[in-house]
């Protein structure tokens, strides 16, 4: 009999693209070869309302929470929610900023996304992220032809994490849930521009 695969949920909350977090999270999880990290990436989180929505998702699938949020009020809110839920929570940048501040004798500027050069490639990725968040889980189905890729699949086939992964590479991605007895949107059937990819769940 095969040994059951061990896994855990890794929630990555960022006020920018989330690449810094993704790299840190993967570097850490790679040290645990017997435990697979299921990544949940939440980019461009900059308001209390967005944080509330994120924690509604986290409540469904609790796990480790890493974040890079420079707004101190939002960061405190994340810490407080984690404490209330009894979940481990780490501000990835804060220890580094503390060392910099101590050595340089000046506080950090707290600029969101300051590590990214504001070139055409950066704005293309931000545009893709905005599009992808707006078209998650079947939202705005009339705009399917504006997507580069449309992912379709039943529940629990990682449509949202895959969409965000692609968006971080500048690919506008929409995803549509397949529900028994519910027809797919006509705009998906009629779409000519995007690549349509089906995701499946395996036991």
N, C-alpha and C. Protein backbone atom coordinates (compact mmCIF):
# COMPACT_ATOMS: atom_id res chain seq x y z
N UNK A 1 0.85 -1.19 0.00
CA UNK A 1 0.00 0.00 0.00
C UNK A 1 0.89 1.25 0.00
N UNK A 2 0.53 2.22 -0.86
CA UNK A 2 1.31 3.45 -0.93
C UNK A 2 1.08 4.31 0.32
N UNK A 3 2.14 4.94 0.76
CA UNK A 3 2.03 5.85 1.89
C UNK A 3 1.25 7.09 1.46
N UNK A 4 0.23 7.52 2.24
CA UNK A 4 -0.54 8.70 1.88
C UNK A 4 0.36 9.93 1.76
N UNK A 5 0.08 10.75 0.77
CA UNK A 5 0.91 11.95 0.57
C UNK A 5 0.57 12.98 1.63
N UNK A 6 1.59 13.49 2.30
CA UNK A 6 1.41 14.53 3.30
C UNK A 6 1.42 15.89 2.61
N UNK A 7 0.56 16.78 3.03
CA UNK A 7 0.51 18.11 2.42
C UNK A 7 0.10 19.13 3.47
N UNK A 8 0.33 20.40 3.13
CA UNK A 8 -0.14 21.49 3.98
C UNK A 8 -0.47 22.68 3.09
N UNK A 9 -1.30 23.57 3.60
CA UNK A 9 -1.69 24.76 2.85
C UNK A 9 -0.74 25.91 3.20
N UNK A 10 -0.24 26.58 2.17
CA UNK A 10 0.68 27.71 2.33
C UNK A 10 0.04 28.93 1.69
N UNK A 11 -0.34 29.89 2.53
CA UNK A 11 -1.04 31.10 2.07
C UNK A 11 -0.04 32.26 1.96
N UNK A 12 0.03 32.87 0.79
CA UNK A 12 1.00 33.91 0.49
C UNK A 12 0.26 35.21 0.17
N UNK A 13 0.36 36.19 1.05
CA UNK A 13 -0.38 37.44 0.91
C UNK A 13 0.61 38.56 0.58
N UNK A 14 0.38 39.25 -0.53
CA UNK A 14 1.32 40.29 -0.97
C UNK A 14 0.57 41.53 -1.43
N UNK A 15 1.17 42.70 -1.19
CA UNK A 15 0.59 43.93 -1.72
C UNK A 15 1.14 44.26 -3.10
N UNK A 16 2.00 43.39 -3.64
CA UNK A 16 2.52 43.57 -5.00
C UNK A 16 2.26 42.28 -5.79
N UNK A 17 3.22 41.84 -6.57
CA UNK A 17 2.97 40.68 -7.44
C UNK A 17 3.04 39.35 -6.71
N UNK A 18 3.71 39.30 -5.56
CA UNK A 18 3.82 38.06 -4.80
C UNK A 18 5.04 37.22 -5.15
N UNK A 19 5.88 37.69 -6.06
CA UNK A 19 7.04 36.90 -6.47
C UNK A 19 8.04 36.69 -5.33
N UNK A 20 8.26 37.74 -4.53
CA UNK A 20 9.19 37.61 -3.41
C UNK A 20 8.72 36.51 -2.46
N UNK A 21 7.44 36.54 -2.13
CA UNK A 21 6.86 35.53 -1.24
C UNK A 21 6.94 34.14 -1.82
N UNK A 22 6.61 34.03 -3.10
CA UNK A 22 6.60 32.72 -3.75
C UNK A 22 7.99 32.09 -3.69
N UNK A 23 9.01 32.91 -3.96
CA UNK A 23 10.39 32.40 -3.91
C UNK A 23 10.76 31.96 -2.49
N UNK A 24 10.40 32.78 -1.49
CA UNK A 24 10.72 32.44 -0.10
C UNK A 24 9.97 31.20 0.35
N UNK A 25 8.69 31.14 0.00
CA UNK A 25 7.88 29.99 0.40
C UNK A 25 8.37 28.70 -0.22
N UNK A 26 8.75 28.75 -1.47
CA UNK A 26 9.23 27.54 -2.15
C UNK A 26 10.60 27.12 -1.63
N UNK A 27 11.44 28.10 -1.31
CA UNK A 27 12.76 27.77 -0.76
C UNK A 27 12.61 27.04 0.57
N UNK A 28 11.66 27.49 1.39
CA UNK A 28 11.45 26.86 2.69
C UNK A 28 10.78 25.50 2.55
N UNK A 29 9.73 25.43 1.74
CA UNK A 29 8.98 24.16 1.62
C UNK A 29 9.81 23.08 0.95
N UNK A 30 10.81 23.48 0.15
CA UNK A 30 11.67 22.49 -0.51
C UNK A 30 12.50 21.70 0.50
N UNK A 31 12.63 22.23 1.71
CA UNK A 31 13.39 21.53 2.74
C UNK A 31 12.59 20.38 3.37
N UNK A 32 11.31 20.28 3.02
CA UNK A 32 10.45 19.25 3.60
C UNK A 32 9.90 18.38 2.48
N UNK A 33 10.71 17.41 2.07
CA UNK A 33 10.37 16.62 0.88
C UNK A 33 9.17 15.71 1.10
N UNK A 34 8.82 15.43 2.35
CA UNK A 34 7.69 14.54 2.61
C UNK A 34 6.38 15.30 2.83
N UNK A 35 6.42 16.60 2.71
CA UNK A 35 5.21 17.42 2.89
C UNK A 35 5.07 18.36 1.70
N UNK A 36 3.99 18.20 0.97
CA UNK A 36 3.77 19.00 -0.24
C UNK A 36 3.00 20.27 0.12
N UNK A 37 3.53 21.40 -0.32
CA UNK A 37 2.86 22.68 -0.07
C UNK A 37 1.82 22.95 -1.14
N UNK A 38 0.59 23.18 -0.72
CA UNK A 38 -0.46 23.63 -1.64
C UNK A 38 -0.50 25.15 -1.54
N UNK A 39 -0.06 25.82 -2.59
CA UNK A 39 0.12 27.27 -2.55
C UNK A 39 -1.18 28.01 -2.87
N UNK A 40 -1.46 29.01 -2.06
CA UNK A 40 -2.59 29.92 -2.30
C UNK A 40 -1.98 31.32 -2.37
N UNK A 41 -2.00 31.94 -3.53
CA UNK A 41 -1.32 33.22 -3.72
C UNK A 41 -2.36 34.34 -3.83
N UNK A 42 -2.17 35.37 -3.03
CA UNK A 42 -3.09 36.51 -3.02
C UNK A 42 -2.30 37.79 -3.33
N UNK A 43 -2.18 38.18 -4.61
CA UNK A 43 -1.42 39.38 -4.96
C UNK A 43 -2.27 40.65 -4.87
N UNK A 44 -1.61 41.79 -4.83
CA UNK A 44 -2.25 43.11 -4.88
C UNK A 44 -3.26 43.30 -3.74
N UNK A 45 -2.94 42.82 -2.56
CA UNK A 45 -3.82 42.97 -1.39
C UNK A 45 -3.44 44.27 -0.68
N UNK A 46 -4.32 45.29 -0.81
CA UNK A 46 -3.95 46.62 -0.31
C UNK A 46 -5.06 47.29 0.50
N UNK A 47 -6.18 46.59 0.74
CA UNK A 47 -7.28 47.18 1.51
C UNK A 47 -7.78 46.19 2.56
N UNK A 48 -8.47 46.72 3.57
CA UNK A 48 -9.05 45.88 4.62
C UNK A 48 -10.07 44.91 4.02
N UNK A 49 -10.84 45.39 3.06
CA UNK A 49 -11.85 44.53 2.42
C UNK A 49 -11.19 43.34 1.75
N UNK A 50 -10.07 43.57 1.07
CA UNK A 50 -9.36 42.47 0.41
C UNK A 50 -8.81 41.49 1.44
N UNK A 51 -8.29 42.02 2.55
CA UNK A 51 -7.76 41.15 3.61
C UNK A 51 -8.87 40.28 4.18
N UNK A 52 -10.05 40.86 4.38
CA UNK A 52 -11.19 40.09 4.89
C UNK A 52 -11.53 38.94 3.96
N UNK A 53 -11.54 39.21 2.66
CA UNK A 53 -11.85 38.16 1.68
C UNK A 53 -10.78 37.06 1.71
N UNK A 54 -9.52 37.45 1.84
CA UNK A 54 -8.43 36.48 1.91
C UNK A 54 -8.63 35.54 3.10
N UNK A 55 -8.98 36.11 4.25
CA UNK A 55 -9.12 35.28 5.45
C UNK A 55 -10.38 34.42 5.43
N UNK A 56 -11.35 34.80 4.64
CA UNK A 56 -12.49 33.90 4.43
C UNK A 56 -12.02 32.64 3.71
N UNK A 57 -11.12 32.81 2.74
CA UNK A 57 -10.55 31.66 2.04
C UNK A 57 -9.66 30.83 2.97
N UNK A 58 -8.84 31.53 3.77
CA UNK A 58 -7.93 30.83 4.68
C UNK A 58 -8.71 29.99 5.70
N UNK A 59 -9.83 30.51 6.14
CA UNK A 59 -10.65 29.78 7.11
C UNK A 59 -11.11 28.43 6.56
N UNK A 60 -11.32 28.38 5.24
CA UNK A 60 -11.73 27.13 4.59
C UNK A 60 -10.60 26.11 4.55
N UNK A 61 -9.37 26.60 4.37
CA UNK A 61 -8.21 25.71 4.26
C UNK A 61 -7.04 26.29 5.06
N UNK A 62 -7.07 26.16 6.38
CA UNK A 62 -6.05 26.77 7.24
C UNK A 62 -4.65 26.22 6.96
N UNK A 63 -3.67 27.04 7.24
CA UNK A 63 -2.28 26.61 7.06
C UNK A 63 -1.31 27.68 7.49
N UNK A 64 -0.11 27.62 6.96
CA UNK A 64 0.93 28.61 7.25
C UNK A 64 0.67 29.86 6.41
N UNK A 65 0.87 31.02 7.01
CA UNK A 65 0.64 32.29 6.31
C UNK A 65 1.93 33.09 6.28
N UNK A 66 2.36 33.43 5.08
CA UNK A 66 3.49 34.34 4.88
C UNK A 66 2.96 35.59 4.19
N UNK A 67 3.49 36.75 4.56
CA UNK A 67 3.01 37.95 3.88
C UNK A 67 4.12 38.98 3.71
N UNK A 68 3.96 39.79 2.66
CA UNK A 68 4.76 40.99 2.46
C UNK A 68 3.79 42.14 2.21
N UNK A 69 3.51 42.87 3.26
CA UNK A 69 2.60 44.02 3.21
C UNK A 69 3.28 45.17 3.94
N UNK A 70 3.56 46.25 3.24
CA UNK A 70 4.32 47.34 3.87
C UNK A 70 3.45 48.28 4.69
N UNK A 71 2.14 48.33 4.39
CA UNK A 71 1.23 49.15 5.18
C UNK A 71 1.12 48.54 6.59
N UNK A 72 1.57 49.28 7.59
CA UNK A 72 1.66 48.72 8.94
C UNK A 72 0.30 48.42 9.55
N UNK A 73 -0.71 49.20 9.21
CA UNK A 73 -2.05 48.94 9.73
C UNK A 73 -2.59 47.63 9.18
N UNK A 74 -2.41 47.42 7.88
CA UNK A 74 -2.85 46.16 7.27
C UNK A 74 -2.07 44.98 7.84
N UNK A 75 -0.76 45.17 8.03
CA UNK A 75 0.08 44.11 8.57
C UNK A 75 -0.37 43.72 9.98
N UNK A 76 -0.69 44.72 10.81
CA UNK A 76 -1.18 44.42 12.16
C UNK A 76 -2.50 43.65 12.09
N UNK A 77 -3.35 44.04 11.14
CA UNK A 77 -4.62 43.34 10.97
C UNK A 77 -4.43 41.88 10.61
N UNK A 78 -3.45 41.62 9.75
CA UNK A 78 -3.15 40.24 9.36
C UNK A 78 -2.65 39.46 10.57
N UNK A 79 -1.73 40.06 11.33
CA UNK A 79 -1.20 39.40 12.54
C UNK A 79 -2.32 39.08 13.53
N UNK A 80 -3.23 40.03 13.72
CA UNK A 80 -4.32 39.84 14.69
C UNK A 80 -5.27 38.73 14.24
N UNK A 81 -5.57 38.68 12.95
CA UNK A 81 -6.46 37.63 12.44
C UNK A 81 -5.81 36.26 12.58
N UNK A 82 -4.52 36.20 12.30
CA UNK A 82 -3.79 34.93 12.44
C UNK A 82 -3.81 34.46 13.89
N UNK A 83 -3.57 35.40 14.82
CA UNK A 83 -3.56 35.05 16.24
C UNK A 83 -4.93 34.55 16.68
N UNK A 84 -5.99 35.21 16.20
CA UNK A 84 -7.35 34.81 16.57
C UNK A 84 -7.69 33.42 16.05
N UNK A 85 -7.11 33.06 14.90
CA UNK A 85 -7.37 31.75 14.30
C UNK A 85 -6.38 30.70 14.76
N UNK A 86 -5.36 31.12 15.52
CA UNK A 86 -4.35 30.19 15.99
C UNK A 86 -3.46 29.65 14.88
N UNK A 87 -3.20 30.49 13.88
CA UNK A 87 -2.41 30.06 12.73
C UNK A 87 -1.02 30.71 12.73
N UNK A 88 0.02 29.99 12.30
CA UNK A 88 1.36 30.58 12.20
C UNK A 88 1.40 31.63 11.11
N UNK A 89 2.05 32.74 11.41
CA UNK A 89 2.02 33.89 10.49
C UNK A 89 3.38 34.58 10.54
N UNK A 90 3.96 34.84 9.37
CA UNK A 90 5.29 35.46 9.31
C UNK A 90 5.30 36.60 8.31
N UNK A 91 5.74 37.78 8.76
CA UNK A 91 6.02 38.89 7.85
C UNK A 91 7.42 38.68 7.30
N UNK A 92 7.52 38.32 6.04
CA UNK A 92 8.80 37.91 5.47
C UNK A 92 9.80 39.06 5.41
N UNK A 93 9.34 40.27 5.12
CA UNK A 93 10.26 41.40 4.96
C UNK A 93 10.60 42.10 6.27
N UNK A 94 9.73 42.01 7.28
CA UNK A 94 9.91 42.81 8.49
C UNK A 94 11.24 42.57 9.20
N UNK A 95 11.69 41.32 9.39
CA UNK A 95 13.00 41.13 10.04
C UNK A 95 14.14 41.75 9.24
N UNK A 96 14.04 41.70 7.92
CA UNK A 96 15.08 42.29 7.07
C UNK A 96 15.05 43.81 7.18
N UNK A 97 13.85 44.40 7.16
CA UNK A 97 13.73 45.85 7.28
C UNK A 97 14.25 46.33 8.64
N UNK A 98 14.03 45.54 9.68
CA UNK A 98 14.51 45.90 11.01
C UNK A 98 16.04 45.97 11.04
N UNK A 99 16.69 45.00 10.41
CA UNK A 99 18.16 45.00 10.33
C UNK A 99 18.65 46.21 9.54
N UNK A 100 18.01 46.48 8.39
CA UNK A 100 18.39 47.63 7.57
C UNK A 100 18.24 48.92 8.37
N UNK A 101 17.11 49.06 9.06
CA UNK A 101 16.85 50.27 9.83
C UNK A 101 17.89 50.47 10.92
N UNK A 102 18.24 49.38 11.61
CA UNK A 102 19.24 49.46 12.68
C UNK A 102 20.61 49.86 12.13
N UNK A 103 20.98 49.27 11.01
CA UNK A 103 22.31 49.52 10.45
C UNK A 103 22.40 50.90 9.81
N UNK A 104 21.34 51.29 9.08
CA UNK A 104 21.37 52.55 8.34
C UNK A 104 20.92 53.74 9.18
N UNK A 105 20.26 53.45 10.31
CA UNK A 105 19.83 54.53 11.18
C UNK A 105 18.67 55.34 10.65
N UNK A 106 17.89 54.76 9.76
CA UNK A 106 16.74 55.46 9.19
C UNK A 106 15.64 54.45 8.88
N UNK A 107 14.37 54.82 9.08
CA UNK A 107 13.28 53.88 8.83
C UNK A 107 13.07 53.65 7.33
N UNK A 108 12.44 52.54 7.02
CA UNK A 108 12.14 52.21 5.62
C UNK A 108 11.08 53.15 5.07
N UNK A 109 11.13 53.35 3.76
CA UNK A 109 10.18 54.24 3.11
C UNK A 109 8.78 53.67 2.98
N UNK A 110 8.64 52.33 3.16
CA UNK A 110 7.34 51.67 3.10
C UNK A 110 6.65 51.90 1.77
N UNK A 111 7.36 51.71 0.68
CA UNK A 111 6.78 51.87 -0.66
C UNK A 111 6.36 50.51 -1.19
N UNK A 112 5.09 50.40 -1.57
CA UNK A 112 4.56 49.14 -2.11
C UNK A 112 5.22 48.82 -3.44
N UNK A 113 5.72 47.59 -3.58
CA UNK A 113 6.30 47.15 -4.85
C UNK A 113 7.55 47.89 -5.25
N UNK A 114 8.28 48.45 -4.27
CA UNK A 114 9.44 49.28 -4.61
C UNK A 114 10.55 48.50 -5.29
N UNK A 115 10.54 47.17 -5.15
CA UNK A 115 11.62 46.37 -5.76
C UNK A 115 11.44 46.18 -7.25
N UNK A 116 10.29 46.55 -7.77
CA UNK A 116 10.02 46.33 -9.19
C UNK A 116 10.32 47.58 -10.02
N UNK A 117 11.05 47.42 -11.08
CA UNK A 117 11.28 48.52 -12.02
C UNK A 117 9.99 48.76 -12.79
N UNK A 118 9.55 50.01 -12.85
CA UNK A 118 8.27 50.32 -13.49
C UNK A 118 8.45 50.41 -15.01
N UNK A 119 8.73 49.27 -15.61
CA UNK A 119 8.87 49.23 -17.06
C UNK A 119 7.63 48.59 -17.68
N UNK A 120 7.64 48.46 -19.00
CA UNK A 120 6.48 47.93 -19.71
C UNK A 120 6.14 46.51 -19.26
N UNK A 121 7.16 45.72 -18.99
CA UNK A 121 6.94 44.34 -18.55
C UNK A 121 6.22 44.29 -17.20
N UNK A 122 6.61 45.16 -16.29
CA UNK A 122 5.96 45.20 -14.98
C UNK A 122 4.48 45.55 -15.12
N UNK A 123 4.20 46.59 -15.90
CA UNK A 123 2.80 47.00 -16.07
C UNK A 123 1.99 45.94 -16.80
N UNK A 124 2.62 45.19 -17.70
CA UNK A 124 1.93 44.10 -18.38
C UNK A 124 1.52 43.03 -17.38
N UNK A 125 2.40 42.73 -16.44
CA UNK A 125 2.08 41.73 -15.43
C UNK A 125 0.99 42.21 -14.48
N UNK A 126 1.05 43.48 -14.09
CA UNK A 126 0.01 44.03 -13.22
C UNK A 126 -1.34 44.01 -13.93
N UNK A 127 -1.34 44.37 -15.22
CA UNK A 127 -2.57 44.33 -16.01
C UNK A 127 -3.12 42.91 -16.06
N UNK A 128 -2.23 41.94 -16.25
CA UNK A 128 -2.65 40.54 -16.29
C UNK A 128 -3.21 40.09 -14.94
N UNK A 129 -2.58 40.51 -13.85
CA UNK A 129 -3.07 40.16 -12.52
C UNK A 129 -4.45 40.75 -12.26
N UNK A 130 -4.64 42.02 -12.63
CA UNK A 130 -5.95 42.65 -12.46
C UNK A 130 -7.02 41.91 -13.26
N UNK A 131 -6.69 41.59 -14.51
CA UNK A 131 -7.64 40.86 -15.36
C UNK A 131 -7.99 39.51 -14.73
N UNK A 132 -6.97 38.81 -14.26
CA UNK A 132 -7.17 37.47 -13.71
C UNK A 132 -8.01 37.49 -12.45
N UNK A 133 -7.78 38.46 -11.56
CA UNK A 133 -8.58 38.56 -10.35
C UNK A 133 -10.03 38.89 -10.67
N UNK A 134 -10.24 39.69 -11.70
CA UNK A 134 -11.60 40.07 -12.10
C UNK A 134 -12.35 38.92 -12.78
N UNK A 135 -11.60 37.96 -13.33
CA UNK A 135 -12.21 36.87 -14.09
C UNK A 135 -12.02 35.52 -13.40
N UNK A 136 -11.89 35.57 -12.07
CA UNK A 136 -11.73 34.33 -11.30
C UNK A 136 -13.08 33.66 -11.07
N UNK A 137 -13.10 32.34 -11.17
CA UNK A 137 -14.27 31.54 -10.82
C UNK A 137 -15.53 31.94 -11.60
N UNK A 138 -15.35 32.19 -12.90
CA UNK A 138 -16.50 32.45 -13.77
C UNK A 138 -17.01 33.87 -13.76
N UNK A 139 -16.31 34.81 -13.11
CA UNK A 139 -16.75 36.19 -13.10
C UNK A 139 -16.54 36.83 -14.48
N UNK A 140 -17.41 37.77 -14.83
CA UNK A 140 -17.35 38.51 -16.10
C UNK A 140 -17.16 37.56 -17.30
N UNK A 141 -18.05 36.59 -17.47
CA UNK A 141 -17.86 35.60 -18.54
C UNK A 141 -17.96 36.19 -19.95
N UNK A 142 -18.56 37.37 -20.09
CA UNK A 142 -18.70 37.96 -21.42
C UNK A 142 -17.37 38.37 -22.02
N UNK A 143 -16.32 38.46 -21.21
CA UNK A 143 -15.02 38.97 -21.68
C UNK A 143 -14.02 37.87 -22.01
N UNK A 144 -14.47 36.66 -22.29
CA UNK A 144 -13.55 35.55 -22.48
C UNK A 144 -12.56 35.78 -23.62
N UNK A 145 -12.98 36.48 -24.66
CA UNK A 145 -12.09 36.70 -25.80
C UNK A 145 -10.96 37.68 -25.49
N UNK A 146 -11.04 38.35 -24.34
CA UNK A 146 -9.95 39.24 -23.93
C UNK A 146 -8.84 38.49 -23.20
N UNK A 147 -9.10 37.23 -22.86
CA UNK A 147 -8.11 36.43 -22.13
C UNK A 147 -7.08 35.83 -23.09
N UNK A 148 -5.89 35.55 -22.55
CA UNK A 148 -4.90 34.78 -23.30
C UNK A 148 -5.14 33.29 -23.12
N UNK A 149 -5.53 32.91 -21.89
CA UNK A 149 -5.81 31.51 -21.56
C UNK A 149 -7.08 31.47 -20.71
N UNK A 150 -7.93 30.48 -20.96
CA UNK A 150 -9.09 30.21 -20.11
C UNK A 150 -8.94 28.79 -19.56
N UNK A 151 -8.94 28.68 -18.23
CA UNK A 151 -8.86 27.38 -17.57
C UNK A 151 -10.27 26.93 -17.19
N UNK A 152 -10.60 25.68 -17.47
CA UNK A 152 -11.89 25.13 -17.09
C UNK A 152 -11.66 23.85 -16.29
N UNK A 153 -12.54 23.59 -15.34
CA UNK A 153 -12.40 22.37 -14.54
C UNK A 153 -13.40 22.34 -13.41
N UNK A 154 -13.57 21.17 -12.82
CA UNK A 154 -14.46 21.04 -11.68
C UNK A 154 -13.80 21.67 -10.46
N UNK A 155 -14.52 21.67 -9.34
CA UNK A 155 -13.98 22.22 -8.09
C UNK A 155 -12.73 21.46 -7.67
N UNK A 156 -11.81 22.17 -6.99
CA UNK A 156 -10.59 21.59 -6.44
C UNK A 156 -9.61 21.10 -7.50
N UNK A 157 -9.55 21.81 -8.62
CA UNK A 157 -8.55 21.46 -9.63
C UNK A 157 -7.50 22.57 -9.76
N UNK A 158 -7.39 23.40 -8.72
CA UNK A 158 -6.35 24.46 -8.65
C UNK A 158 -6.45 25.48 -9.77
N UNK A 159 -7.68 25.82 -10.15
CA UNK A 159 -7.85 26.81 -11.22
C UNK A 159 -7.33 28.18 -10.80
N UNK A 160 -7.69 28.62 -9.59
CA UNK A 160 -7.27 29.96 -9.17
C UNK A 160 -5.76 30.07 -8.97
N UNK A 161 -5.10 29.17 -8.22
CA UNK A 161 -3.64 29.28 -8.10
C UNK A 161 -2.91 29.23 -9.44
N UNK A 162 -3.39 28.37 -10.35
CA UNK A 162 -2.76 28.28 -11.67
C UNK A 162 -2.95 29.58 -12.44
N UNK A 163 -4.15 30.17 -12.32
CA UNK A 163 -4.43 31.44 -13.00
C UNK A 163 -3.49 32.53 -12.52
N UNK A 164 -3.29 32.62 -11.21
CA UNK A 164 -2.43 33.66 -10.65
C UNK A 164 -0.97 33.41 -11.03
N UNK A 165 -0.57 32.16 -11.04
CA UNK A 165 0.80 31.82 -11.47
C UNK A 165 1.03 32.34 -12.89
N UNK A 166 0.08 32.09 -13.79
CA UNK A 166 0.21 32.54 -15.18
C UNK A 166 0.17 34.07 -15.26
N UNK A 167 -0.71 34.69 -14.48
CA UNK A 167 -0.81 36.15 -14.50
C UNK A 167 0.49 36.80 -14.06
N UNK A 168 1.19 36.18 -13.11
CA UNK A 168 2.48 36.71 -12.67
C UNK A 168 3.52 36.70 -13.77
N UNK A 169 3.24 35.99 -14.83
CA UNK A 169 4.12 35.97 -16.00
C UNK A 169 3.53 36.76 -17.17
N UNK A 170 2.54 37.61 -16.85
CA UNK A 170 1.98 38.51 -17.85
C UNK A 170 0.92 37.90 -18.73
N UNK A 171 0.38 36.74 -18.35
CA UNK A 171 -0.62 36.05 -19.17
C UNK A 171 -2.01 36.29 -18.58
N UNK A 172 -2.86 36.97 -19.32
CA UNK A 172 -4.23 37.22 -18.86
C UNK A 172 -4.99 35.90 -18.83
N UNK A 173 -5.44 35.51 -17.65
CA UNK A 173 -6.04 34.20 -17.47
C UNK A 173 -7.40 34.31 -16.80
N UNK A 174 -8.39 33.66 -17.39
CA UNK A 174 -9.71 33.54 -16.77
C UNK A 174 -9.91 32.08 -16.40
N UNK A 175 -10.78 31.82 -15.44
CA UNK A 175 -11.10 30.42 -15.16
C UNK A 175 -12.60 30.24 -14.95
N UNK A 176 -13.10 29.11 -15.43
CA UNK A 176 -14.53 28.81 -15.42
C UNK A 176 -14.76 27.48 -14.70
N UNK A 177 -15.61 27.47 -13.67
CA UNK A 177 -15.90 26.19 -13.01
C UNK A 177 -16.86 25.35 -13.85
N UNK A 178 -16.63 24.05 -13.87
CA UNK A 178 -17.54 23.11 -14.52
C UNK A 178 -18.42 22.50 -13.43
N UNK A 179 -19.72 22.73 -13.54
CA UNK A 179 -20.68 22.24 -12.54
C UNK A 179 -21.71 21.36 -13.24
N UNK A 180 -21.93 20.17 -12.70
CA UNK A 180 -22.88 19.23 -13.29
C UNK A 180 -24.26 19.87 -13.42
N UNK A 181 -24.80 19.81 -14.62
CA UNK A 181 -26.14 20.34 -14.86
C UNK A 181 -26.19 21.82 -15.18
N UNK A 182 -25.04 22.50 -15.12
CA UNK A 182 -24.99 23.94 -15.42
C UNK A 182 -24.23 24.14 -16.72
N UNK A 183 -24.86 24.73 -17.74
CA UNK A 183 -24.16 24.92 -19.02
C UNK A 183 -23.02 25.92 -18.89
N UNK A 184 -21.97 25.70 -19.68
CA UNK A 184 -20.87 26.67 -19.69
C UNK A 184 -21.33 27.93 -20.39
N UNK A 185 -20.72 29.08 -20.11
CA UNK A 185 -21.13 30.33 -20.75
C UNK A 185 -20.99 30.26 -22.27
N UNK A 186 -21.94 30.88 -22.96
CA UNK A 186 -21.89 30.92 -24.42
C UNK A 186 -20.61 31.59 -24.90
N UNK A 187 -20.13 32.57 -24.14
CA UNK A 187 -18.92 33.28 -24.55
C UNK A 187 -17.71 32.35 -24.58
N UNK A 188 -17.71 31.30 -23.76
CA UNK A 188 -16.62 30.33 -23.78
C UNK A 188 -16.70 29.48 -25.04
N UNK A 189 -17.91 29.08 -25.40
CA UNK A 189 -18.11 28.28 -26.61
C UNK A 189 -17.72 29.08 -27.85
N UNK A 190 -18.03 30.38 -27.82
CA UNK A 190 -17.79 31.23 -28.99
C UNK A 190 -16.37 31.80 -29.03
N UNK A 191 -15.62 31.68 -27.94
CA UNK A 191 -14.29 32.30 -27.87
C UNK A 191 -13.36 31.75 -28.95
N UNK A 192 -12.65 32.63 -29.61
CA UNK A 192 -11.72 32.23 -30.67
C UNK A 192 -10.27 32.59 -30.33
N UNK A 193 -10.07 33.63 -29.55
CA UNK A 193 -8.71 34.10 -29.28
C UNK A 193 -7.96 33.28 -28.23
N UNK A 194 -8.55 32.99 -27.06
CA UNK A 194 -7.74 32.37 -26.00
C UNK A 194 -7.49 30.89 -26.20
N UNK A 195 -6.42 30.41 -25.59
CA UNK A 195 -6.18 28.97 -25.47
C UNK A 195 -7.04 28.47 -24.32
N UNK A 196 -7.85 27.45 -24.55
CA UNK A 196 -8.73 26.91 -23.52
C UNK A 196 -8.14 25.59 -23.02
N UNK A 197 -7.91 25.52 -21.71
CA UNK A 197 -7.23 24.37 -21.11
C UNK A 197 -8.13 23.75 -20.04
N UNK A 198 -8.31 22.44 -20.09
CA UNK A 198 -9.09 21.74 -19.08
C UNK A 198 -8.19 21.17 -18.01
N UNK A 199 -8.55 21.38 -16.75
CA UNK A 199 -7.82 20.83 -15.61
C UNK A 199 -8.62 19.67 -15.01
N UNK A 200 -7.93 18.62 -14.60
CA UNK A 200 -8.61 17.46 -14.04
C UNK A 200 -8.07 17.18 -12.63
N UNK A 201 -8.88 16.52 -11.83
CA UNK A 201 -8.47 16.10 -10.50
C UNK A 201 -8.10 14.63 -10.54
N UNK A 202 -7.01 14.27 -9.88
CA UNK A 202 -6.60 12.87 -9.82
C UNK A 202 -6.61 12.39 -8.38
N UNK A 203 -6.88 11.13 -8.21
CA UNK A 203 -6.95 10.56 -6.85
C UNK A 203 -5.56 10.49 -6.24
